[in-house]
Amino acid sequence: MQASETLEQIIPGQVFKVEVLTWAKRIGVAPKEIRVRPMKSKWASCSSNGRLTFNSEILQQPANFRREAIVHELLHLKVPNHGKLFKNLMRSYLCATVPLPDGKYRDL
């Protein structure tokens, strides 16, 4: 924890990282690092060495938006482009879940 960070800022980031790791397990990938930090022009990025970086503002976004960004970046660990395979995988992972009232997802 850095001196400028408060506990209220740290906890949501850790919960988000658990959400990312849960999806990573489901997809069958293992990110080398998950970072949450301020970003000026994008919601997230995936480096060629397996580091995922998410804009800290994503923590305040709706769950379905976060889920789409998480799945998008994790799939780049399998498919580095936005071609047909990538789009089919996005569709299959995002359409293969149903949100439950407790915020978890049930596989179809």
C-alpha atoms as a PDB file:
ATOM      1  CA  MET A   1       0.000   0.000   0.000  1.00  0.00           C
ATOM      2  CA  GLN A   2       1.386   3.379  -0.960  1.00  0.00           C
ATOM      3  CA  ALA A   3       1.177   6.298   1.462  1.00  0.00           C
ATOM      4  CA  SER A   4      -1.336   8.122  -0.754  1.00  0.00           C
ATOM      5  CA  GLU A   5      -3.721   5.131  -0.943  1.00  0.00           C
ATOM      6  CA  THR A   6      -6.530   4.525   1.512  1.00  0.00           C
ATOM      7  CA  LEU A   7      -8.059   1.202   2.501  1.00  0.00           C
ATOM      8  CA  GLU A   8     -11.249   2.184   0.632  1.00  0.00           C
ATOM      9  CA  GLN A   9      -9.187   2.451  -2.575  1.00  0.00           C
ATOM     10  CA  ILE A  10      -7.313  -0.832  -2.053  1.00  0.00           C
ATOM     11  CA  ILE A  11     -10.200  -3.219  -1.300  1.00  0.00           C
ATOM     12  CA  PRO A  12     -12.234  -2.690  -4.518  1.00  0.00           C
ATOM     13  CA  GLY A  13      -9.071  -3.217  -6.556  1.00  0.00           C
ATOM     14  CA  GLN A  14      -8.370  -6.516  -4.804  1.00  0.00           C
ATOM     15  CA  VAL A  15     -11.961  -7.685  -5.302  1.00  0.00           C
ATOM     16  CA  PHE A  16     -11.672  -6.780  -8.993  1.00  0.00           C
ATOM     17  CA  LYS A  17      -8.460  -8.804  -9.299  1.00  0.00           C
ATOM     18  CA  VAL A  18     -10.286 -11.815  -7.844  1.00  0.00           C
ATOM     19  CA  GLU A  19     -12.970 -11.284 -10.502  1.00  0.00           C
ATOM     20  CA  VAL A  20     -10.257 -11.268 -13.192  1.00  0.00           C
ATOM     21  CA  LEU A  21      -8.658 -14.442 -11.804  1.00  0.00           C
ATOM     22  CA  THR A  22     -12.042 -16.183 -11.671  1.00  0.00           C
ATOM     23  CA  TRP A  23     -12.570 -15.445 -15.365  1.00  0.00           C
ATOM     24  CA  ALA A  24      -8.973 -16.423 -16.161  1.00  0.00           C
ATOM     25  CA  LYS A  25      -9.571 -19.851 -14.656  1.00  0.00           C
ATOM     26  CA  ARG A  26     -12.812 -20.242 -16.608  1.00  0.00           C
ATOM     27  CA  ILE A  27     -11.102 -19.253 -19.879  1.00  0.00           C
ATOM     28  CA  GLY A  28      -7.998 -21.321 -19.156  1.00  0.00           C
ATOM     29  CA  VAL A  29      -5.362 -18.594 -19.129  1.00  0.00           C
ATOM     30  CA  ALA A  30      -2.952 -17.314 -16.491  1.00  0.00           C
ATOM     31  CA  PRO A  31      -2.073 -13.617 -16.610  1.00  0.00           C
ATOM     32  CA  LYS A  32       1.449 -12.919 -15.361  1.00  0.00           C
ATOM     33  CA  GLU A  33       0.323  -9.744 -13.599  1.00  0.00           C
ATOM     34  CA  ILE A  34      -2.920  -7.820 -13.065  1.00  0.00           C
ATOM     35  CA  ARG A  35      -2.604  -4.093 -12.489  1.00  0.00           C
ATOM     36  CA  VAL A  36      -5.241  -1.466 -11.766  1.00  0.00           C
ATOM     37  CA  ARG A  37      -4.101   2.127 -12.240  1.00  0.00           C
ATOM     38  CA  PRO A  38      -5.275   5.418 -13.733  1.00  0.00           C
ATOM     39  CA  MET A  39      -5.185   5.426 -17.532  1.00  0.00           C
ATOM     40  CA  LYS A  40      -5.946   8.403 -19.769  1.00  0.00           C
ATOM     41  CA  SER A  41      -7.344   6.961 -22.976  1.00  0.00           C
ATOM     42  CA  LYS A  42      -8.367   3.312 -22.582  1.00  0.00           C
ATOM     43  CA  TRP A  43     -10.167   0.965 -20.249  1.00  0.00           C
ATOM     44  CA  ALA A  44      -7.579  -1.804 -20.359  1.00  0.00           C
ATOM     45  CA  SER A  45      -4.606  -3.279 -22.152  1.00  0.00           C
ATOM     46  CA  CYS A  46      -2.814  -6.599 -22.502  1.00  0.00           C
ATOM     47  CA  SER A  47       0.942  -6.700 -23.034  1.00  0.00           C
ATOM     48  CA  SER A  48       2.697  -9.351 -25.095  1.00  0.00           C
ATOM     49  CA  ASN A  49       4.301 -10.711 -21.923  1.00  0.00           C
ATOM     50  CA  GLY A  50       0.936 -11.409 -20.263  1.00  0.00           C
ATOM     51  CA  ARG A  51       0.453  -8.317 -18.107  1.00  0.00           C
ATOM     52  CA  LEU A  52      -3.122  -7.015 -17.898  1.00  0.00           C
ATOM     53  CA  THR A  53      -3.609  -3.378 -16.948  1.00  0.00           C
ATOM     54  CA  PHE A  54      -7.056  -1.988 -16.174  1.00  0.00           C
ATOM     55  CA  ASN A  55      -8.065   1.645 -15.806  1.00  0.00           C
ATOM     56  CA  SER A  56      -8.898   2.285 -12.137  1.00  0.00           C
ATOM     57  CA  GLU A  57     -12.149   3.936 -13.246  1.00  0.00           C
ATOM     58  CA  ILE A  58     -13.421   0.504 -14.299  1.00  0.00           C
ATOM     59  CA  LEU A  59     -14.060  -0.192 -10.610  1.00  0.00           C
ATOM     60  CA  GLN A  60     -16.999   2.239 -10.723  1.00  0.00           C
ATOM     61  CA  GLN A  61     -18.531   0.766 -13.886  1.00  0.00           C
ATOM     62  CA  PRO A  62     -21.481  -1.672 -14.033  1.00  0.00           C
ATOM     63  CA  ALA A  63     -20.686  -5.372 -13.621  1.00  0.00           C
ATOM     64  CA  ASN A  64     -21.561  -6.258 -17.226  1.00  0.00           C
ATOM     65  CA  PHE A  65     -19.137  -3.613 -18.540  1.00  0.00           C
ATOM     66  CA  ARG A  66     -16.367  -4.881 -16.236  1.00  0.00           C
ATOM     67  CA  ARG A  67     -17.075  -8.459 -17.311  1.00  0.00           C
ATOM     68  CA  GLU A  68     -16.783  -7.578 -21.008  1.00  0.00           C
ATOM     69  CA  ALA A  69     -13.488  -5.726 -20.461  1.00  0.00           C
ATOM     70  CA  ILE A  70     -12.085  -8.584 -18.368  1.00  0.00           C
ATOM     71  CA  VAL A  71     -13.025 -11.271 -20.894  1.00  0.00           C
ATOM     72  CA  HIS A  72     -11.742  -9.110 -23.767  1.00  0.00           C
ATOM     73  CA  GLU A  73      -8.294  -8.665 -22.230  1.00  0.00           C
ATOM     74  CA  LEU A  74      -8.002 -12.265 -21.017  1.00  0.00           C
ATOM     75  CA  LEU A  75      -8.830 -13.571 -24.480  1.00  0.00           C
ATOM     76  CA  HIS A  76      -5.890 -11.590 -25.843  1.00  0.00           C
ATOM     77  CA  LEU A  77      -3.701 -14.043 -23.918  1.00  0.00           C
ATOM     78  CA  LYS A  78      -5.030 -16.689 -26.336  1.00  0.00           C
ATOM     79  CA  VAL A  79      -5.673 -14.611 -29.477  1.00  0.00           C
ATOM     80  CA  PRO A  80      -3.581 -11.458 -30.022  1.00  0.00           C
ATOM     81  CA  ASN A  81      -5.916  -9.831 -32.570  1.00  0.00           C
ATOM     82  CA  HIS A  82      -9.611  -8.991 -33.019  1.00  0.00           C
ATOM     83  CA  GLY A  83     -10.223 -11.470 -35.836  1.00  0.00           C
ATOM     84  CA  LYS A  84     -13.009 -13.995 -36.294  1.00  0.00           C
ATOM     85  CA  LEU A  85     -11.700 -16.426 -33.659  1.00  0.00           C
ATOM     86  CA  PHE A  86     -11.444 -13.641 -31.079  1.00  0.00           C
ATOM     87  CA  LYS A  87     -14.983 -12.434 -31.795  1.00  0.00           C
ATOM     88  CA  ASN A  88     -16.379 -15.972 -31.623  1.00  0.00           C
ATOM     89  CA  LEU A  89     -14.663 -16.585 -28.289  1.00  0.00           C
ATOM     90  CA  MET A  90     -15.955 -13.271 -26.919  1.00  0.00           C
ATOM     91  CA  ARG A  91     -19.458 -14.202 -27.977  1.00  0.00           C
ATOM     92  CA  SER A  92     -19.216 -17.703 -26.539  1.00  0.00           C
ATOM     93  CA  TYR A  93     -17.940 -16.563 -23.130  1.00  0.00           C
ATOM     94  CA  LEU A  94     -20.227 -13.566 -22.757  1.00  0.00           C
ATOM     95  CA  CYS A  95     -23.353 -15.298 -24.048  1.00  0.00           C
ATOM     96  CA  ALA A  96     -22.670 -18.490 -22.113  1.00  0.00           C
ATOM     97  CA  THR A  97     -23.330 -16.903 -18.733  1.00  0.00           C
ATOM     98  CA  VAL A  98     -26.432 -15.709 -16.980  1.00  0.00           C
ATOM     99  CA  PRO A  99     -26.153 -13.061 -14.242  1.00  0.00           C
ATOM    100  CA  LEU A 100     -27.614 -14.091 -10.903  1.00  0.00           C
ATOM    101  CA  PRO A 101     -28.992 -11.715  -8.244  1.00  0.00           C
ATOM    102  CA  ASP A 102     -25.944 -12.263  -6.009  1.00  0.00           C
ATOM    103  CA  GLY A 103     -23.654 -10.944  -8.761  1.00  0.00           C
ATOM    104  CA  LYS A 104     -22.268 -14.368  -9.680  1.00  0.00           C
ATOM    105  CA  TYR A 105     -22.741 -16.106 -13.011  1.00  0.00           C
ATOM    106  CA  ARG A 106     -24.258 -19.441 -13.900  1.00  0.00           C
ATOM    107  CA  ASP A 107     -23.033 -21.304 -16.952  1.00  0.00           C
ATOM    108  CA  LEU A 108     -25.689 -22.147 -19.532  1.00  0.00           C
END
